[in-house]
N, C-alpha and C. Protein backbone atom coordinates (compact mmCIF):
# COMPACT_ATOMS: atom_id res chain seq x y z
N UNK A 1 108.41 112.94 58.38
CA UNK A 1 108.91 111.51 58.79
C UNK A 1 108.27 110.50 58.19
N UNK A 2 109.22 109.58 57.61
CA UNK A 2 108.87 108.45 56.59
C UNK A 2 108.66 107.13 57.14
N UNK A 3 109.67 106.54 57.38
CA UNK A 3 109.69 105.15 57.70
C UNK A 3 109.22 104.68 59.20
N UNK A 4 108.86 103.47 59.28
CA UNK A 4 108.07 103.10 60.46
C UNK A 4 109.72 103.22 61.58
N UNK A 5 110.68 102.39 61.19
CA UNK A 5 111.49 102.26 62.06
C UNK A 5 113.02 102.59 61.27
N UNK A 6 113.96 103.27 61.89
CA UNK A 6 115.08 103.73 60.84
C UNK A 6 116.15 103.41 61.74
N UNK A 7 117.21 103.47 61.02
CA UNK A 7 118.62 103.16 61.53
C UNK A 7 119.27 104.48 60.94
N UNK A 8 120.15 104.99 61.73
CA UNK A 8 120.82 106.42 61.39
C UNK A 8 122.11 105.66 60.29
N UNK A 9 122.53 106.66 59.86
CA UNK A 9 123.42 106.39 58.78
C UNK A 9 124.55 105.60 59.25
N UNK A 10 124.76 104.55 58.09
CA UNK A 10 125.84 103.45 58.57
C UNK A 10 125.78 102.47 59.84
N UNK A 11 124.24 102.52 60.29
CA UNK A 11 123.78 101.44 60.87
C UNK A 11 123.70 101.89 62.33
N UNK A 12 124.70 102.75 62.79
CA UNK A 12 124.78 103.34 64.14
C UNK A 12 125.16 104.70 64.11
N UNK A 13 125.26 105.37 65.17
CA UNK A 13 125.37 106.72 65.16
C UNK A 13 127.25 106.75 65.20
N UNK A 14 127.43 107.85 64.63
CA UNK A 14 129.15 108.06 64.54
C UNK A 14 129.66 108.25 65.89
N UNK A 15 131.02 108.32 65.92
CA UNK A 15 131.49 108.49 67.28
C UNK A 15 131.06 109.86 67.90
N UNK A 16 130.95 110.02 69.23
CA UNK A 16 130.36 111.27 69.73
C UNK A 16 131.58 112.36 69.29
N UNK A 17 130.83 113.63 68.86
CA UNK A 17 131.57 114.87 68.87
C UNK A 17 130.69 115.91 69.13
N UNK A 18 131.08 116.95 69.38
CA UNK A 18 130.40 118.13 69.64
C UNK A 18 129.31 118.68 68.68
N UNK A 19 128.37 119.03 69.09
CA UNK A 19 127.53 119.67 68.00
C UNK A 19 126.58 120.85 68.82
N UNK A 20 127.21 121.91 68.80
CA UNK A 20 126.85 123.20 69.28
C UNK A 20 125.22 123.48 69.11
N UNK A 21 124.62 123.24 68.03
CA UNK A 21 123.27 123.34 67.48
C UNK A 21 122.33 122.34 68.34
N UNK A 22 122.79 121.24 67.91
CA UNK A 22 122.08 120.26 68.91
C UNK A 22 121.71 120.12 70.36
N UNK A 23 123.17 120.59 71.05
CA UNK A 23 123.05 121.15 72.14
C UNK A 23 122.39 122.23 72.62
N UNK A 24 122.66 123.27 71.95
CA UNK A 24 121.37 124.50 72.28
C UNK A 24 120.14 124.08 72.08
N UNK A 25 119.59 123.43 71.21
CA UNK A 25 118.17 122.92 70.99
C UNK A 25 117.69 122.11 71.92
N UNK A 26 118.61 121.09 72.62
CA UNK A 26 118.56 120.22 73.59
C UNK A 26 118.26 121.09 75.04
N UNK A 27 119.25 122.10 75.35
CA UNK A 27 118.98 122.92 76.40
C UNK A 27 117.77 123.68 76.59
N UNK A 28 117.58 124.21 75.53
CA UNK A 28 115.92 124.99 75.32
C UNK A 28 114.75 123.76 75.53
N UNK A 29 114.98 122.74 75.27
CA UNK A 29 114.00 122.10 75.48
C UNK A 29 113.90 121.41 77.08
N UNK A 30 114.98 121.19 77.49
CA UNK A 30 115.42 120.77 78.95
C UNK A 30 114.88 122.21 80.01
N UNK A 31 115.23 123.40 79.56
CA UNK A 31 114.85 124.52 80.28
C UNK A 31 113.31 124.64 80.11
N UNK A 32 112.66 124.66 79.04
CA UNK A 32 111.26 124.76 78.90
C UNK A 32 110.40 123.76 79.66
N UNK A 33 111.08 122.42 79.69
CA UNK A 33 110.03 121.56 80.26
C UNK A 33 110.22 121.49 81.97
N UNK A 34 111.11 122.37 82.30
CA UNK A 34 111.09 122.36 83.73
C UNK A 34 109.75 122.84 84.54
N UNK A 35 109.52 124.00 84.13
CA UNK A 35 107.79 124.28 84.55
C UNK A 35 106.88 123.36 84.62
N UNK A 36 106.91 122.33 83.37
CA UNK A 36 105.86 121.27 83.20
C UNK A 36 106.42 119.99 84.35
N UNK A 37 107.54 119.89 85.21
CA UNK A 37 107.64 118.97 85.52
C UNK A 37 108.19 119.18 87.41
N UNK A 38 106.78 119.44 87.70
CA UNK A 38 106.93 120.10 89.29
C UNK A 38 107.42 118.96 90.22
N UNK A 39 108.58 119.76 91.15
CA UNK A 39 109.37 119.02 91.90
C UNK A 39 108.60 117.69 92.87
N UNK A 40 108.90 116.75 92.87
CA UNK A 40 108.54 115.33 93.76
C UNK A 40 107.05 114.92 93.30
N UNK A 41 106.87 115.29 91.74
CA UNK A 41 105.61 114.78 91.26
C UNK A 41 105.93 113.34 90.45
N UNK A 42 107.42 113.16 90.23
CA UNK A 42 107.75 111.75 89.93
C UNK A 42 107.65 111.65 88.26
N UNK A 43 107.51 112.62 87.45
CA UNK A 43 107.03 112.51 86.42
C UNK A 43 108.11 112.43 85.30
N UNK A 44 108.03 111.93 84.00
CA UNK A 44 109.05 111.76 82.90
C UNK A 44 108.16 112.39 81.73
N UNK A 45 108.94 113.21 81.08
CA UNK A 45 108.09 113.96 80.13
C UNK A 45 108.70 113.62 78.41
N UNK A 46 107.93 113.00 77.73
CA UNK A 46 108.58 112.78 76.48
C UNK A 46 107.92 113.91 75.49
N UNK A 47 108.83 114.35 74.16
CA UNK A 47 108.60 115.32 73.46
C UNK A 47 108.66 114.02 72.13
N UNK A 48 107.46 113.94 71.31
CA UNK A 48 107.47 113.03 70.00
C UNK A 48 107.04 114.00 68.96
N UNK A 49 107.61 113.87 67.51
CA UNK A 49 107.13 114.37 66.48
C UNK A 49 106.75 113.27 65.61
N UNK A 50 105.19 113.25 65.04
CA UNK A 50 104.87 112.45 64.16
C UNK A 50 104.44 112.96 62.75
N UNK A 51 103.63 112.01 62.04
CA UNK A 51 103.12 112.68 60.63
C UNK A 51 102.70 113.85 60.77
N UNK A 52 102.89 114.74 59.62
CA UNK A 52 102.52 116.16 59.33
C UNK A 52 103.08 116.93 60.44
N UNK A 53 104.04 116.79 61.07
CA UNK A 53 104.76 117.62 62.08
C UNK A 53 103.97 117.95 63.46
N UNK A 54 103.18 116.91 63.49
CA UNK A 54 102.35 116.84 64.81
C UNK A 54 103.68 116.65 66.16
N UNK A 55 103.34 117.37 66.93
CA UNK A 55 104.10 117.45 68.19
C UNK A 55 103.45 116.77 69.37
N UNK A 56 103.92 115.78 70.19
CA UNK A 56 103.13 115.46 71.45
C UNK A 56 104.04 115.50 72.59
N UNK A 57 103.46 115.94 73.60
CA UNK A 57 103.91 116.00 74.60
C UNK A 57 103.47 115.28 75.63
N UNK A 58 103.97 114.03 76.28
CA UNK A 58 103.58 113.00 76.97
C UNK A 58 104.18 112.72 78.30
N UNK A 59 103.21 113.00 79.26
CA UNK A 59 103.95 112.63 80.67
C UNK A 59 103.67 111.16 81.29
N UNK A 60 104.43 110.71 81.80
CA UNK A 60 104.50 109.19 82.56
C UNK A 60 104.78 109.46 84.22
N UNK A 61 104.25 108.33 84.66
CA UNK A 61 104.29 108.64 86.28
C UNK A 61 105.53 107.66 86.10
N UNK A 62 106.00 107.68 87.46
CA UNK A 62 107.36 106.85 87.74
C UNK A 62 106.95 105.38 87.35
N UNK A 63 105.84 104.72 87.51
CA UNK A 63 105.56 103.47 87.31
C UNK A 63 105.07 103.16 85.74
N UNK A 64 105.66 104.22 84.91
CA UNK A 64 105.49 104.21 83.33
C UNK A 64 104.18 104.14 83.01
N UNK A 65 103.20 104.54 83.68
CA UNK A 65 101.85 104.62 83.04
C UNK A 65 101.72 106.19 82.41
N UNK A 66 101.17 106.34 81.64
CA UNK A 66 100.88 107.58 81.48
C UNK A 66 99.99 108.34 81.94
N UNK A 67 100.42 109.80 82.20
CA UNK A 67 99.92 110.55 82.99
C UNK A 67 98.83 111.49 82.29
N UNK A 68 99.45 112.07 81.08
CA UNK A 68 98.79 113.16 80.33
C UNK A 68 99.29 112.97 78.90
N UNK A 69 98.73 113.95 78.01
CA UNK A 69 99.11 114.02 76.65
C UNK A 69 98.33 115.40 75.96
N UNK A 70 99.42 115.82 75.54
CA UNK A 70 98.83 116.91 74.39
C UNK A 70 99.33 116.75 73.08
N UNK A 71 98.67 116.79 72.43
CA UNK A 71 98.97 116.37 70.71
C UNK A 71 98.62 117.70 69.93
N UNK A 72 99.30 118.21 69.04
CA UNK A 72 99.13 119.16 68.34
C UNK A 72 99.75 119.63 66.94
N UNK A 73 99.36 120.08 65.86
CA UNK A 73 100.04 120.49 64.86
C UNK A 73 100.54 121.67 64.94
N UNK A 74 101.57 122.19 64.40
CA UNK A 74 102.03 123.63 64.76
C UNK A 74 101.03 124.76 64.50
N UNK A 75 100.20 124.70 64.03
CA UNK A 75 99.08 125.56 63.73
C UNK A 75 97.96 125.66 64.88
N UNK A 76 98.20 124.56 65.65
CA UNK A 76 97.08 124.32 66.83
C UNK A 76 97.86 124.38 68.24
N UNK A 77 99.54 124.66 68.07
CA UNK A 77 99.99 124.73 69.40
C UNK A 77 99.61 125.53 70.26
N UNK A 78 99.82 125.68 71.71
CA UNK A 78 99.27 126.43 72.56
C UNK A 78 100.06 127.74 72.41
N UNK A 79 99.65 128.37 72.95
CA UNK A 79 99.74 129.83 73.04
C UNK A 79 101.35 130.05 73.40
N UNK A 80 102.14 130.73 72.79
CA UNK A 80 103.96 130.72 72.81
C UNK A 80 103.96 131.30 74.26
N UNK A 81 103.43 132.08 74.66
CA UNK A 81 103.62 132.59 76.06
C UNK A 81 103.25 131.36 77.21
N UNK A 82 102.38 130.30 77.02
CA UNK A 82 102.43 129.25 78.12
C UNK A 82 103.58 128.54 78.04
N UNK A 83 103.85 127.73 79.18
CA UNK A 83 105.14 126.96 79.01
C UNK A 83 104.83 125.85 78.38
N UNK A 84 103.50 125.00 78.01
CA UNK A 84 103.35 124.11 76.96
C UNK A 84 103.56 124.75 75.96
N UNK A 85 103.12 126.03 75.15
CA UNK A 85 103.67 126.21 73.85
C UNK A 85 104.80 126.57 73.71
N UNK A 86 105.80 126.85 74.70
CA UNK A 86 107.22 127.13 74.63
C UNK A 86 107.79 125.93 74.32
N UNK A 87 107.28 125.01 75.24
CA UNK A 87 108.26 123.69 75.07
C UNK A 87 107.46 122.88 73.68
N UNK A 88 106.25 123.13 72.88
CA UNK A 88 105.99 122.40 71.99
C UNK A 88 106.87 123.10 70.70
N UNK A 89 107.28 123.97 70.74
CA UNK A 89 108.04 125.10 69.73
C UNK A 89 109.36 124.84 69.88
N UNK A 90 110.06 124.76 71.02
CA UNK A 90 111.39 124.11 71.27
C UNK A 90 111.62 122.85 70.78
N UNK A 91 110.63 121.47 71.25
CA UNK A 91 110.49 120.33 70.76
C UNK A 91 110.48 120.29 69.27
N UNK A 92 109.81 120.98 68.81
CA UNK A 92 109.44 120.72 67.30
C UNK A 92 110.60 121.17 66.55
N UNK A 93 111.49 122.15 66.80
CA UNK A 93 112.79 122.45 66.39
C UNK A 93 113.77 121.69 66.72
N UNK A 94 113.90 121.16 68.03
CA UNK A 94 114.75 119.86 68.25
C UNK A 94 114.61 118.75 67.43
N UNK A 95 113.58 118.36 67.35
CA UNK A 95 113.38 117.15 66.41
C UNK A 95 113.37 117.12 65.22
N UNK A 96 112.92 118.28 64.39
CA UNK A 96 113.22 118.64 63.32
C UNK A 96 114.60 118.48 62.80
N UNK A 97 115.81 119.18 63.72
CA UNK A 97 116.96 118.83 63.50
C UNK A 97 117.55 117.57 63.59
N UNK A 98 116.94 116.75 64.71
CA UNK A 98 117.43 115.50 65.04
C UNK A 98 117.06 114.65 63.85
N UNK A 99 115.75 114.94 63.40
CA UNK A 99 115.30 113.93 62.14
C UNK A 99 116.04 114.27 60.95
N UNK A 100 116.80 115.21 60.72
CA UNK A 100 117.41 115.62 59.60
C UNK A 100 118.76 114.62 59.49
N UNK A 101 119.16 114.18 60.54
CA UNK A 101 120.32 113.16 60.90
C UNK A 101 120.19 111.71 60.13
N UNK A 102 118.68 111.63 59.77
CA UNK A 102 118.48 110.11 59.38
C UNK A 102 118.55 110.20 57.77
N UNK A 103 118.77 109.20 57.03
CA UNK A 103 118.73 109.67 55.36
C UNK A 103 117.21 109.39 55.16
N UNK A 104 116.31 108.55 56.06
CA UNK A 104 114.86 108.31 55.76
C UNK A 104 114.47 108.59 57.20
N UNK A 105 114.18 109.79 57.98
CA UNK A 105 113.71 109.78 59.18
C UNK A 105 112.49 108.71 59.42
N UNK A 106 112.47 108.65 61.04
CA UNK A 106 111.30 107.48 61.28
C UNK A 106 110.09 108.38 61.17
N UNK A 107 109.09 107.65 61.06
CA UNK A 107 107.52 108.20 61.07
C UNK A 107 107.38 108.92 62.46
N UNK A 108 107.82 108.33 63.66
CA UNK A 108 107.86 108.70 64.87
C UNK A 108 108.97 109.05 65.45
N UNK A 109 109.53 110.29 66.21
CA UNK A 109 110.82 110.39 66.38
C UNK A 109 110.36 111.23 67.91
N UNK A 110 111.38 110.95 68.93
CA UNK A 110 111.17 111.82 70.13
C UNK A 110 112.27 111.41 70.89
N UNK A 111 112.49 112.45 72.19
CA UNK A 111 113.28 112.65 73.15
C UNK A 111 112.35 112.49 74.38
N UNK A 112 113.15 112.33 75.41
CA UNK A 112 112.55 112.28 76.79
C UNK A 112 113.43 113.18 77.70
N UNK A 113 112.74 113.58 78.54
CA UNK A 113 113.61 114.98 79.55
C UNK A 113 113.29 114.79 80.92
N UNK A 114 114.01 115.15 81.63
CA UNK A 114 113.87 115.11 83.00
C UNK A 114 114.03 116.65 83.51
N UNK A 115 114.11 117.74 82.59
CA UNK A 115 114.35 118.92 82.94
C UNK A 115 115.80 119.21 83.06
N UNK A 116 116.64 118.33 82.94
CA UNK A 116 117.80 118.73 83.19
C UNK A 116 118.68 117.98 81.92
N UNK A 117 118.27 117.05 81.52
CA UNK A 117 118.93 116.00 80.51
C UNK A 117 117.89 115.79 79.35
N UNK A 118 118.64 115.31 78.11
CA UNK A 118 117.43 114.96 76.90
C UNK A 118 118.24 113.91 76.49
N UNK A 119 117.52 112.88 76.25
CA UNK A 119 117.96 111.46 75.75
C UNK A 119 116.92 111.12 74.56
N UNK A 120 117.78 110.18 73.63
CA UNK A 120 116.85 109.64 72.69
C UNK A 120 117.50 108.27 72.44
N UNK A 121 116.41 107.60 71.68
CA UNK A 121 117.00 105.79 71.15
C UNK A 121 116.91 105.81 69.82
N UNK A 122 118.18 105.90 69.07
CA UNK A 122 117.94 105.61 67.64
C UNK A 122 117.41 104.43 66.95
N UNK A 123 117.80 103.43 67.77
CA UNK A 123 117.12 102.30 67.53
C UNK A 123 115.93 102.15 67.54
N UNK A 124 115.10 102.57 68.42
CA UNK A 124 113.52 102.74 68.78
C UNK A 124 113.15 104.33 69.42
N UNK A 125 113.14 104.92 67.90
CA UNK A 125 112.93 106.42 68.16
C UNK A 125 111.50 106.95 68.41
N UNK A 126 110.90 106.02 68.87
CA UNK A 126 109.13 106.49 69.28
C UNK A 126 109.09 106.10 70.64
N UNK A 127 109.37 107.19 71.72
CA UNK A 127 109.00 106.83 73.31
C UNK A 127 107.48 106.49 73.37
N UNK A 128 106.68 106.86 72.85
CA UNK A 128 105.32 106.66 72.99
C UNK A 128 105.20 105.12 72.44
N UNK A 129 106.12 104.44 71.85
CA UNK A 129 105.81 103.08 71.64
C UNK A 129 105.67 102.25 72.74
N UNK A 130 104.61 101.28 72.59
CA UNK A 130 104.58 100.19 73.87
C UNK A 130 105.92 99.47 74.36
N UNK A 131 105.92 99.62 75.69
CA UNK A 131 107.25 99.12 76.55
C UNK A 131 108.50 100.04 76.27
N UNK A 132 108.42 101.09 75.57
CA UNK A 132 109.62 101.72 75.34
C UNK A 132 110.36 102.03 76.85
N UNK A 133 109.70 102.64 77.57
CA UNK A 133 110.40 103.00 78.73
C UNK A 133 110.65 101.76 79.60
N UNK A 134 110.01 100.71 79.78
CA UNK A 134 110.41 99.79 80.26
C UNK A 134 111.67 98.88 79.89
N UNK A 135 111.88 98.72 78.38
CA UNK A 135 113.07 98.35 77.81
C UNK A 135 114.19 99.40 78.02
N UNK A 136 114.04 100.50 78.17
CA UNK A 136 115.47 101.36 78.67
C UNK A 136 115.82 101.30 80.04
N UNK A 137 114.50 100.99 80.70
CA UNK A 137 115.03 100.91 82.09
C UNK A 137 115.42 99.72 82.46
N UNK A 138 115.21 98.59 81.76
CA UNK A 138 115.50 96.97 82.00
C UNK A 138 117.12 96.91 81.03
N UNK A 139 117.53 98.33 80.41
CA UNK A 139 118.69 97.86 79.72
C UNK A 139 118.87 97.26 78.72
N UNK A 140 117.59 96.97 78.00
CA UNK A 140 117.61 96.28 76.64
C UNK A 140 117.60 97.22 75.50
N UNK A 141 117.50 98.63 75.75
CA UNK A 141 117.82 99.45 74.71
C UNK A 141 118.95 100.62 75.14
N UNK A 142 119.70 100.96 74.11
CA UNK A 142 120.48 102.08 74.07
C UNK A 142 120.02 103.52 74.08
N UNK A 143 120.29 104.25 75.20
CA UNK A 143 119.91 105.47 74.98
C UNK A 143 121.23 106.67 74.63
N UNK A 144 121.05 107.65 73.90
CA UNK A 144 121.98 108.72 73.71
C UNK A 144 121.62 109.94 74.22
N UNK A 145 122.49 110.38 75.09
CA UNK A 145 122.28 111.51 75.97
C UNK A 145 122.98 112.81 75.14
N UNK A 146 121.86 113.60 74.95
CA UNK A 146 122.21 114.75 74.41
C UNK A 146 122.68 115.84 75.38
N UNK A 147 122.00 115.61 76.41
CA UNK A 147 122.41 116.45 77.63
C UNK A 147 122.27 115.31 78.75
N UNK A 148 123.01 114.98 79.78
CA UNK A 148 123.05 113.87 80.72
C UNK A 148 121.94 114.13 81.47
N UNK A 149 120.94 112.89 81.91
CA UNK A 149 119.92 113.19 82.94
C UNK A 149 120.37 113.52 84.22
N UNK A 150 119.38 113.86 85.09
CA UNK A 150 120.07 113.97 86.68
C UNK A 150 120.51 112.69 87.17
N UNK A 151 121.45 112.55 87.67
CA UNK A 151 121.51 111.16 88.12
C UNK A 151 120.80 110.59 89.42
N UNK A 152 119.90 111.59 89.90
CA UNK A 152 119.16 110.92 91.10
C UNK A 152 117.70 111.47 90.89
N UNK A 153 117.22 111.82 89.52
CA UNK A 153 115.89 112.35 89.41
C UNK A 153 115.01 111.00 88.81
N UNK A 154 113.70 111.36 88.55
CA UNK A 154 113.02 110.39 88.17
C UNK A 154 113.37 109.59 86.77
N UNK A 155 114.29 110.02 85.99
CA UNK A 155 114.78 109.36 84.71
C UNK A 155 115.83 108.83 84.95
N UNK A 156 116.37 108.71 86.14
CA UNK A 156 117.47 107.95 86.33
C UNK A 156 117.55 106.55 86.28
N UNK A 157 116.12 106.31 86.63
CA UNK A 157 115.89 104.63 85.90
C UNK A 157 116.08 104.39 84.79
N UNK A 158 116.06 105.33 83.93
CA UNK A 158 116.40 104.92 82.57
C UNK A 158 117.87 104.91 82.10
N UNK A 159 118.89 105.26 83.21
CA UNK A 159 120.28 105.37 83.26
C UNK A 159 120.50 104.07 83.38
N UNK A 160 119.78 103.10 84.13
CA UNK A 160 120.21 101.88 84.68
C UNK A 160 120.56 101.09 83.42
N UNK A 161 120.10 101.43 82.18
CA UNK A 161 120.13 100.45 80.86
C UNK A 161 121.60 101.16 80.59
N UNK A 162 121.76 100.79 79.22
CA UNK A 162 122.83 101.36 78.45
C UNK A 162 122.76 102.52 77.93
N UNK A 163 123.34 103.56 78.16
CA UNK A 163 123.47 105.08 77.54
C UNK A 163 124.78 105.37 77.01
N UNK A 164 124.85 106.05 76.18
CA UNK A 164 126.33 106.76 75.44
C UNK A 164 125.62 108.33 75.69
N UNK A 165 126.94 108.96 75.88
CA UNK A 165 126.68 110.31 75.80
C UNK A 165 127.30 110.93 74.45
N UNK A 166 126.49 112.02 73.75
CA UNK A 166 127.11 112.60 72.41
C UNK A 166 128.19 113.28 72.53
N UNK A 167 128.34 113.97 73.94
CA UNK A 167 129.36 114.90 73.95
C UNK A 167 130.58 114.46 75.08
């Protein structure tokens, strides 16, 4: 991942069209994140790729304060049989595929999930960036849904802003 801030080809994403591979990768991420998002815990989960293929799993509370973070390079991922390890691998695969869609992938690229949906923001691709959650909850940023978020879940506040479905 190279540039600090990247714009997708042509300055914006092309018109939504089905992409079975992207959808399958997003479904795997959503499925593997569910055990890490306990019911009624009010958590938002981000998966972010950084330099050197580092993957971060980041949990935020309902008030957007960080609750926990796991950072690892592929050789240091949690055991594949654990929930965290399975999500690290699925997230790595999704983010690598998503990164290939940029002519020069951003230095940090991530998605946010509620265990149902998976969203990303091409104009601000790093969910760990300062005020990322506030920007999107306040409607100042556009989210693209690979899979739609649960409309009544913890991430529903992110849908208050501007969002577009890719399918």
